């Protein structure tokens, strides 16, 4: 059964990767780098600071930093324990792929998927109280992690498992944020205004 699942995963990767075109290649090469999403992050920070206090924002930055350390380390532990070759490094399927760039680390599971999905879930759980359309921010992890399939750096299963781990980790760290927010009795801007 595992062999059948792996085979389907490989076939899906080959299909999705081969949907790429010369027009889209540089676009996906650009958006696969997190630093190039800085306008999105600036907008997120602006929207958060409109609603939460500076102390809450400081707590969120600290919790996110711990979240990234945790997910990076856990992703690496799993990657090197499973030791699955990246598609671009697998001689069995490489001839069927559009090769755009390489990577040396193992494939399973995707750190791009776990980090982006988990951090966005954490932020969403804070923002949903203030913004009706906060769910739009999930566009980032969906597109960001999909670039890894487009570039044949991860299999779809790597992305899916990364998303699931990210959702679990993001939920855990949201509760950590909530715990310390309540412990220190931090108020958002609406609550503060209500007391004045």
C-alpha atoms as a PDB file:
ATOM      1  CA  UNK A   1       0.000   0.000   0.000  1.00  0.00           C
ATOM      2  CA  UNK A   2       2.832   2.412   0.884  1.00  0.00           C
ATOM      3  CA  UNK A   3       4.512   1.656  -2.433  1.00  0.00           C
ATOM      4  CA  UNK A   4       1.260   2.410  -4.279  1.00  0.00           C
ATOM      5  CA  UNK A   5       0.881   5.716  -2.399  1.00  0.00           C
ATOM      6  CA  UNK A   6       4.459   6.710  -3.211  1.00  0.00           C
ATOM      7  CA  UNK A   7       3.924   5.817  -6.860  1.00  0.00           C
ATOM      8  CA  UNK A   8       0.752   7.954  -7.051  1.00  0.00           C
ATOM      9  CA  UNK A   9       2.609  10.778  -5.307  1.00  0.00           C
ATOM     10  CA  UNK A  10       5.371  10.609  -7.914  1.00  0.00           C
ATOM     11  CA  UNK A  11       2.912  10.527 -10.811  1.00  0.00           C
ATOM     12  CA  UNK A  12       1.004  13.523  -9.458  1.00  0.00           C
ATOM     13  CA  UNK A  13       4.247  15.455  -9.019  1.00  0.00           C
ATOM     14  CA  UNK A  14       5.292  14.691 -12.604  1.00  0.00           C
ATOM     15  CA  UNK A  15       1.884  15.815 -13.888  1.00  0.00           C
ATOM     16  CA  UNK A  16       1.803  19.063 -11.884  1.00  0.00           C
ATOM     17  CA  UNK A  17       5.435  19.900 -12.570  1.00  0.00           C
ATOM     18  CA  UNK A  18       4.920  19.457 -16.309  1.00  0.00           C
ATOM     19  CA  UNK A  19       2.066  21.970 -16.306  1.00  0.00           C
ATOM     20  CA  UNK A  20       4.749  24.625 -15.958  1.00  0.00           C
ATOM     21  CA  UNK A  21       5.707  26.926 -18.824  1.00  0.00           C
ATOM     22  CA  UNK A  22       8.603  29.224 -19.689  1.00  0.00           C
ATOM     23  CA  UNK A  23       6.347  32.199 -18.875  1.00  0.00           C
ATOM     24  CA  UNK A  24       5.579  31.014 -15.319  1.00  0.00           C
ATOM     25  CA  UNK A  25       9.059  29.698 -14.473  1.00  0.00           C
ATOM     26  CA  UNK A  26      10.651  33.005 -13.358  1.00  0.00           C
ATOM     27  CA  UNK A  27       7.483  33.967 -11.463  1.00  0.00           C
ATOM     28  CA  UNK A  28       7.493  30.756  -9.418  1.00  0.00           C
ATOM     29  CA  UNK A  29      11.271  31.015  -8.946  1.00  0.00           C
ATOM     30  CA  UNK A  30      10.678  34.489  -7.482  1.00  0.00           C
ATOM     31  CA  UNK A  31       7.750  33.694  -5.185  1.00  0.00           C
ATOM     32  CA  UNK A  32       9.352  30.559  -3.739  1.00  0.00           C
ATOM     33  CA  UNK A  33      11.650  32.838  -1.685  1.00  0.00           C
ATOM     34  CA  UNK A  34       9.993  34.059   1.506  1.00  0.00           C
ATOM     35  CA  UNK A  35      11.863  37.377   1.489  1.00  0.00           C
ATOM     36  CA  UNK A  36      10.086  38.331  -1.752  1.00  0.00           C
ATOM     37  CA  UNK A  37       6.758  38.288   0.096  1.00  0.00           C
ATOM     38  CA  UNK A  38       7.754  41.311   2.196  1.00  0.00           C
ATOM     39  CA  UNK A  39       4.852  43.515   0.951  1.00  0.00           C
ATOM     40  CA  UNK A  40       2.404  40.854   2.181  1.00  0.00           C
ATOM     41  CA  UNK A  41       4.118  40.736   5.591  1.00  0.00           C
ATOM     42  CA  UNK A  42       4.113  44.543   5.857  1.00  0.00           C
ATOM     43  CA  UNK A  43       0.340  44.561   5.210  1.00  0.00           C
ATOM     44  CA  UNK A  44      -0.152  41.842   7.847  1.00  0.00           C
ATOM     45  CA  UNK A  45       1.833  43.828  10.417  1.00  0.00           C
ATOM     46  CA  UNK A  46      -0.151  46.972   9.580  1.00  0.00           C
ATOM     47  CA  UNK A  47      -3.490  45.144   9.975  1.00  0.00           C
ATOM     48  CA  UNK A  48      -2.404  43.569  13.252  1.00  0.00           C
ATOM     49  CA  UNK A  49      -1.118  46.832  14.723  1.00  0.00           C
ATOM     50  CA  UNK A  50      -4.444  48.511  13.899  1.00  0.00           C
ATOM     51  CA  UNK A  51      -6.193  46.118  16.284  1.00  0.00           C
ATOM     52  CA  UNK A  52      -3.786  44.706  18.868  1.00  0.00           C
ATOM     53  CA  UNK A  53      -1.571  46.563  21.333  1.00  0.00           C
ATOM     54  CA  UNK A  54       2.200  46.856  20.998  1.00  0.00           C
ATOM     55  CA  UNK A  55       2.599  44.481  23.950  1.00  0.00           C
ATOM     56  CA  UNK A  56       0.400  41.895  22.249  1.00  0.00           C
ATOM     57  CA  UNK A  57       2.343  42.378  19.032  1.00  0.00           C
ATOM     58  CA  UNK A  58       5.614  41.886  20.927  1.00  0.00           C
ATOM     59  CA  UNK A  59       4.240  38.680  22.456  1.00  0.00           C
ATOM     60  CA  UNK A  60       3.146  37.505  19.000  1.00  0.00           C
ATOM     61  CA  UNK A  61       6.640  38.140  17.559  1.00  0.00           C
ATOM     62  CA  UNK A  62       8.173  36.136  20.430  1.00  0.00           C
ATOM     63  CA  UNK A  63       5.705  33.251  20.013  1.00  0.00           C
ATOM     64  CA  UNK A  64       6.269  33.231  16.241  1.00  0.00           C
ATOM     65  CA  UNK A  65      10.045  33.114  16.773  1.00  0.00           C
ATOM     66  CA  UNK A  66       9.621  30.082  19.055  1.00  0.00           C
ATOM     67  CA  UNK A  67       7.209  28.556  16.552  1.00  0.00           C
ATOM     68  CA  UNK A  68       9.743  28.852  13.713  1.00  0.00           C
ATOM     69  CA  UNK A  69      12.528  27.340  15.829  1.00  0.00           C
ATOM     70  CA  UNK A  70      10.237  24.451  16.783  1.00  0.00           C
ATOM     71  CA  UNK A  71       8.942  23.726  13.270  1.00  0.00           C
ATOM     72  CA  UNK A  72      12.379  24.083  11.660  1.00  0.00           C
ATOM     73  CA  UNK A  73      13.919  21.642  14.120  1.00  0.00           C
ATOM     74  CA  UNK A  74      11.061  19.142  13.914  1.00  0.00           C
ATOM     75  CA  UNK A  75      11.027  19.337  10.116  1.00  0.00           C
ATOM     76  CA  UNK A  76      14.763  18.619  10.009  1.00  0.00           C
ATOM     77  CA  UNK A  77      14.450  15.713  12.458  1.00  0.00           C
ATOM     78  CA  UNK A  78      11.765  14.109  10.267  1.00  0.00           C
ATOM     79  CA  UNK A  79      13.558  14.939   6.992  1.00  0.00           C
ATOM     80  CA  UNK A  80      16.795  13.255   8.023  1.00  0.00           C
ATOM     81  CA  UNK A  81      15.018  10.333   9.708  1.00  0.00           C
ATOM     82  CA  UNK A  82      12.903   9.568   6.625  1.00  0.00           C
ATOM     83  CA  UNK A  83      15.664  10.589   4.170  1.00  0.00           C
ATOM     84  CA  UNK A  84      13.397  10.755   1.122  1.00  0.00           C
ATOM     85  CA  UNK A  85      15.170  12.088  -1.955  1.00  0.00           C
ATOM     86  CA  UNK A  86      13.847  15.290  -3.425  1.00  0.00           C
ATOM     87  CA  UNK A  87      12.250  14.763  -6.836  1.00  0.00           C
ATOM     88  CA  UNK A  88      15.094  16.636  -8.571  1.00  0.00           C
ATOM     89  CA  UNK A  89      17.586  14.252  -6.934  1.00  0.00           C
ATOM     90  CA  UNK A  90      15.722  11.035  -7.726  1.00  0.00           C
ATOM     91  CA  UNK A  91      17.251   9.445 -10.857  1.00  0.00           C
ATOM     92  CA  UNK A  92      14.092   7.369 -11.427  1.00  0.00           C
ATOM     93  CA  UNK A  93      11.822  10.351 -12.064  1.00  0.00           C
ATOM     94  CA  UNK A  94      14.250  13.160 -12.895  1.00  0.00           C
ATOM     95  CA  UNK A  95      14.063  12.436 -16.670  1.00  0.00           C
ATOM     96  CA  UNK A  96      10.300  13.127 -16.520  1.00  0.00           C
ATOM     97  CA  UNK A  97      10.638  16.504 -14.762  1.00  0.00           C
ATOM     98  CA  UNK A  98      11.148  20.086 -15.800  1.00  0.00           C
ATOM     99  CA  UNK A  99      14.346  20.812 -13.859  1.00  0.00           C
ATOM    100  CA  UNK A 100      14.616  24.442 -12.743  1.00  0.00           C
ATOM    101  CA  UNK A 101      16.767  24.330  -9.616  1.00  0.00           C
ATOM    102  CA  UNK A 102      18.305  21.862  -7.226  1.00  0.00           C
ATOM    103  CA  UNK A 103      18.444  21.354  -3.452  1.00  0.00           C
ATOM    104  CA  UNK A 104      20.498  18.957  -1.366  1.00  0.00           C
ATOM    105  CA  UNK A 105      18.450  18.359   1.783  1.00  0.00           C
ATOM    106  CA  UNK A 106      15.893  15.516   2.039  1.00  0.00           C
ATOM    107  CA  UNK A 107      12.313  16.009   0.869  1.00  0.00           C
ATOM    108  CA  UNK A 108       9.842  14.761   3.485  1.00  0.00           C
ATOM    109  CA  UNK A 109       8.214  16.872   4.762  1.00  0.00           C
ATOM    110  CA  UNK A 110       8.226  20.428   3.464  1.00  0.00           C
ATOM    111  CA  UNK A 111       9.472  23.153   5.798  1.00  0.00           C
ATOM    112  CA  UNK A 112       7.978  25.752   3.434  1.00  0.00           C
ATOM    113  CA  UNK A 113       4.561  24.152   3.939  1.00  0.00           C
ATOM    114  CA  UNK A 114       4.789  23.656   7.703  1.00  0.00           C
ATOM    115  CA  UNK A 115       6.244  27.091   8.493  1.00  0.00           C
ATOM    116  CA  UNK A 116       3.937  29.059   6.224  1.00  0.00           C
ATOM    117  CA  UNK A 117       0.727  27.210   7.110  1.00  0.00           C
ATOM    118  CA  UNK A 118       1.392  27.156  10.852  1.00  0.00           C
ATOM    119  CA  UNK A 119       2.391  30.799  11.154  1.00  0.00           C
ATOM    120  CA  UNK A 120      -0.539  31.964   9.032  1.00  0.00           C
ATOM    121  CA  UNK A 121      -2.972  29.854  11.067  1.00  0.00           C
ATOM    122  CA  UNK A 122      -1.643  31.426  14.279  1.00  0.00           C
ATOM    123  CA  UNK A 123      -2.033  34.918  12.829  1.00  0.00           C
ATOM    124  CA  UNK A 124      -5.459  34.084  11.382  1.00  0.00           C
ATOM    125  CA  UNK A 125      -6.732  32.881  14.777  1.00  0.00           C
ATOM    126  CA  UNK A 126      -5.803  36.297  16.181  1.00  0.00           C
ATOM    127  CA  UNK A 127      -7.079  38.339  13.219  1.00  0.00           C
ATOM    128  CA  UNK A 128     -10.421  36.591  12.661  1.00  0.00           C
ATOM    129  CA  UNK A 129     -11.895  38.446  15.643  1.00  0.00           C
ATOM    130  CA  UNK A 130     -11.260  41.756  13.892  1.00  0.00           C
ATOM    131  CA  UNK A 131     -11.464  41.052  10.152  1.00  0.00           C
ATOM    132  CA  UNK A 132     -14.317  39.285   8.382  1.00  0.00           C
ATOM    133  CA  UNK A 133     -12.141  38.251   5.444  1.00  0.00           C
ATOM    134  CA  UNK A 134      -9.057  37.260   7.451  1.00  0.00           C
ATOM    135  CA  UNK A 135      -9.163  33.823   5.796  1.00  0.00           C
ATOM    136  CA  UNK A 136      -7.754  35.464   2.631  1.00  0.00           C
ATOM    137  CA  UNK A 137      -4.272  35.307   4.200  1.00  0.00           C
ATOM    138  CA  UNK A 138      -4.243  31.521   3.602  1.00  0.00           C
ATOM    139  CA  UNK A 139      -3.500  32.417  -0.019  1.00  0.00           C
ATOM    140  CA  UNK A 140       0.129  32.813   1.087  1.00  0.00           C
ATOM    141  CA  UNK A 141       0.875  29.268   2.339  1.00  0.00           C
ATOM    142  CA  UNK A 142      -1.148  27.666  -0.451  1.00  0.00           C
ATOM    143  CA  UNK A 143       0.756  29.443  -3.227  1.00  0.00           C
ATOM    144  CA  UNK A 144       4.097  29.610  -1.395  1.00  0.00           C
ATOM    145  CA  UNK A 145       4.235  25.854  -0.772  1.00  0.00           C
ATOM    146  CA  UNK A 146       2.845  25.016  -4.224  1.00  0.00           C
ATOM    147  CA  UNK A 147       5.946  26.617  -5.743  1.00  0.00           C
ATOM    148  CA  UNK A 148       7.907  23.677  -4.316  1.00  0.00           C
ATOM    149  CA  UNK A 149       5.855  21.264  -6.428  1.00  0.00           C
ATOM    150  CA  UNK A 150       6.153  23.507  -9.481  1.00  0.00           C
ATOM    151  CA  UNK A 151       9.947  23.490  -9.065  1.00  0.00           C
ATOM    152  CA  UNK A 152       9.981  19.717  -8.352  1.00  0.00           C
ATOM    153  CA  UNK A 153      11.638  20.313  -4.985  1.00  0.00           C
ATOM    154  CA  UNK A 154       8.877  18.484  -3.078  1.00  0.00           C
ATOM    155  CA  UNK A 155       6.270  15.844  -3.733  1.00  0.00           C
ATOM    156  CA  UNK A 156       2.586  16.671  -3.106  1.00  0.00           C
ATOM    157  CA  UNK A 157       2.641  14.354  -0.072  1.00  0.00           C
ATOM    158  CA  UNK A 158       5.570  16.345   1.374  1.00  0.00           C
ATOM    159  CA  UNK A 159       3.465  19.494   1.069  1.00  0.00           C
ATOM    160  CA  UNK A 160       0.308  17.912   2.492  1.00  0.00           C
ATOM    161  CA  UNK A 161       2.130  16.484   5.521  1.00  0.00           C
ATOM    162  CA  UNK A 162       3.901  19.812   5.984  1.00  0.00           C
ATOM    163  CA  UNK A 163       0.525  21.562   5.985  1.00  0.00           C
ATOM    164  CA  UNK A 164      -0.859  19.119   8.569  1.00  0.00           C
ATOM    165  CA  UNK A 165       2.165  19.512  10.825  1.00  0.00           C
ATOM    166  CA  UNK A 166       1.941  23.287  10.394  1.00  0.00           C
ATOM    167  CA  UNK A 167      -1.750  23.314  11.329  1.00  0.00           C
ATOM    168  CA  UNK A 168      -1.056  21.277  14.475  1.00  0.00           C
ATOM    169  CA  UNK A 169       1.951  23.430  15.434  1.00  0.00           C
ATOM    170  CA  UNK A 170       0.155  26.684  14.649  1.00  0.00           C
ATOM    171  CA  UNK A 171      -2.755  25.648  16.871  1.00  0.00           C
ATOM    172  CA  UNK A 172      -0.381  24.723  19.716  1.00  0.00           C
ATOM    173  CA  UNK A 173       1.463  28.034  19.525  1.00  0.00           C
ATOM    174  CA  UNK A 174      -1.798  29.988  19.272  1.00  0.00           C
ATOM    175  CA  UNK A 175      -2.787  28.505  22.643  1.00  0.00           C
ATOM    176  CA  UNK A 176       0.645  29.446  23.999  1.00  0.00           C
ATOM    177  CA  UNK A 177       0.041  33.012  22.777  1.00  0.00           C
ATOM    178  CA  UNK A 178      -3.440  33.007  24.292  1.00  0.00           C
ATOM    179  CA  UNK A 179      -2.164  31.650  27.615  1.00  0.00           C
ATOM    180  CA  UNK A 180       0.465  34.375  28.044  1.00  0.00           C
ATOM    181  CA  UNK A 181      -1.865  37.058  26.683  1.00  0.00           C
ATOM    182  CA  UNK A 182      -4.347  36.155  29.445  1.00  0.00           C
ATOM    183  CA  UNK A 183      -1.641  35.617  32.075  1.00  0.00           C
ATOM    184  CA  UNK A 184      -0.284  39.130  31.565  1.00  0.00           C
ATOM    185  CA  UNK A 185      -3.812  40.514  31.031  1.00  0.00           C
ATOM    186  CA  UNK A 186      -2.877  42.149  27.732  1.00  0.00           C
ATOM    187  CA  UNK A 187      -5.670  44.155  26.110  1.00  0.00           C
ATOM    188  CA  UNK A 188      -6.231  44.867  22.443  1.00  0.00           C
ATOM    189  CA  UNK A 189      -6.902  48.423  21.279  1.00  0.00           C
ATOM    190  CA  UNK A 190     -10.707  48.032  21.393  1.00  0.00           C
ATOM    191  CA  UNK A 191     -10.598  46.770  24.975  1.00  0.00           C
ATOM    192  CA  UNK A 192      -8.233  49.565  26.002  1.00  0.00           C
ATOM    193  CA  UNK A 193     -10.538  52.186  24.472  1.00  0.00           C
ATOM    194  CA  UNK A 194     -13.489  50.712  26.323  1.00  0.00           C
ATOM    195  CA  UNK A 195     -11.811  51.545  29.631  1.00  0.00           C
ATOM    196  CA  UNK A 196     -11.217  55.218  28.725  1.00  0.00           C
END
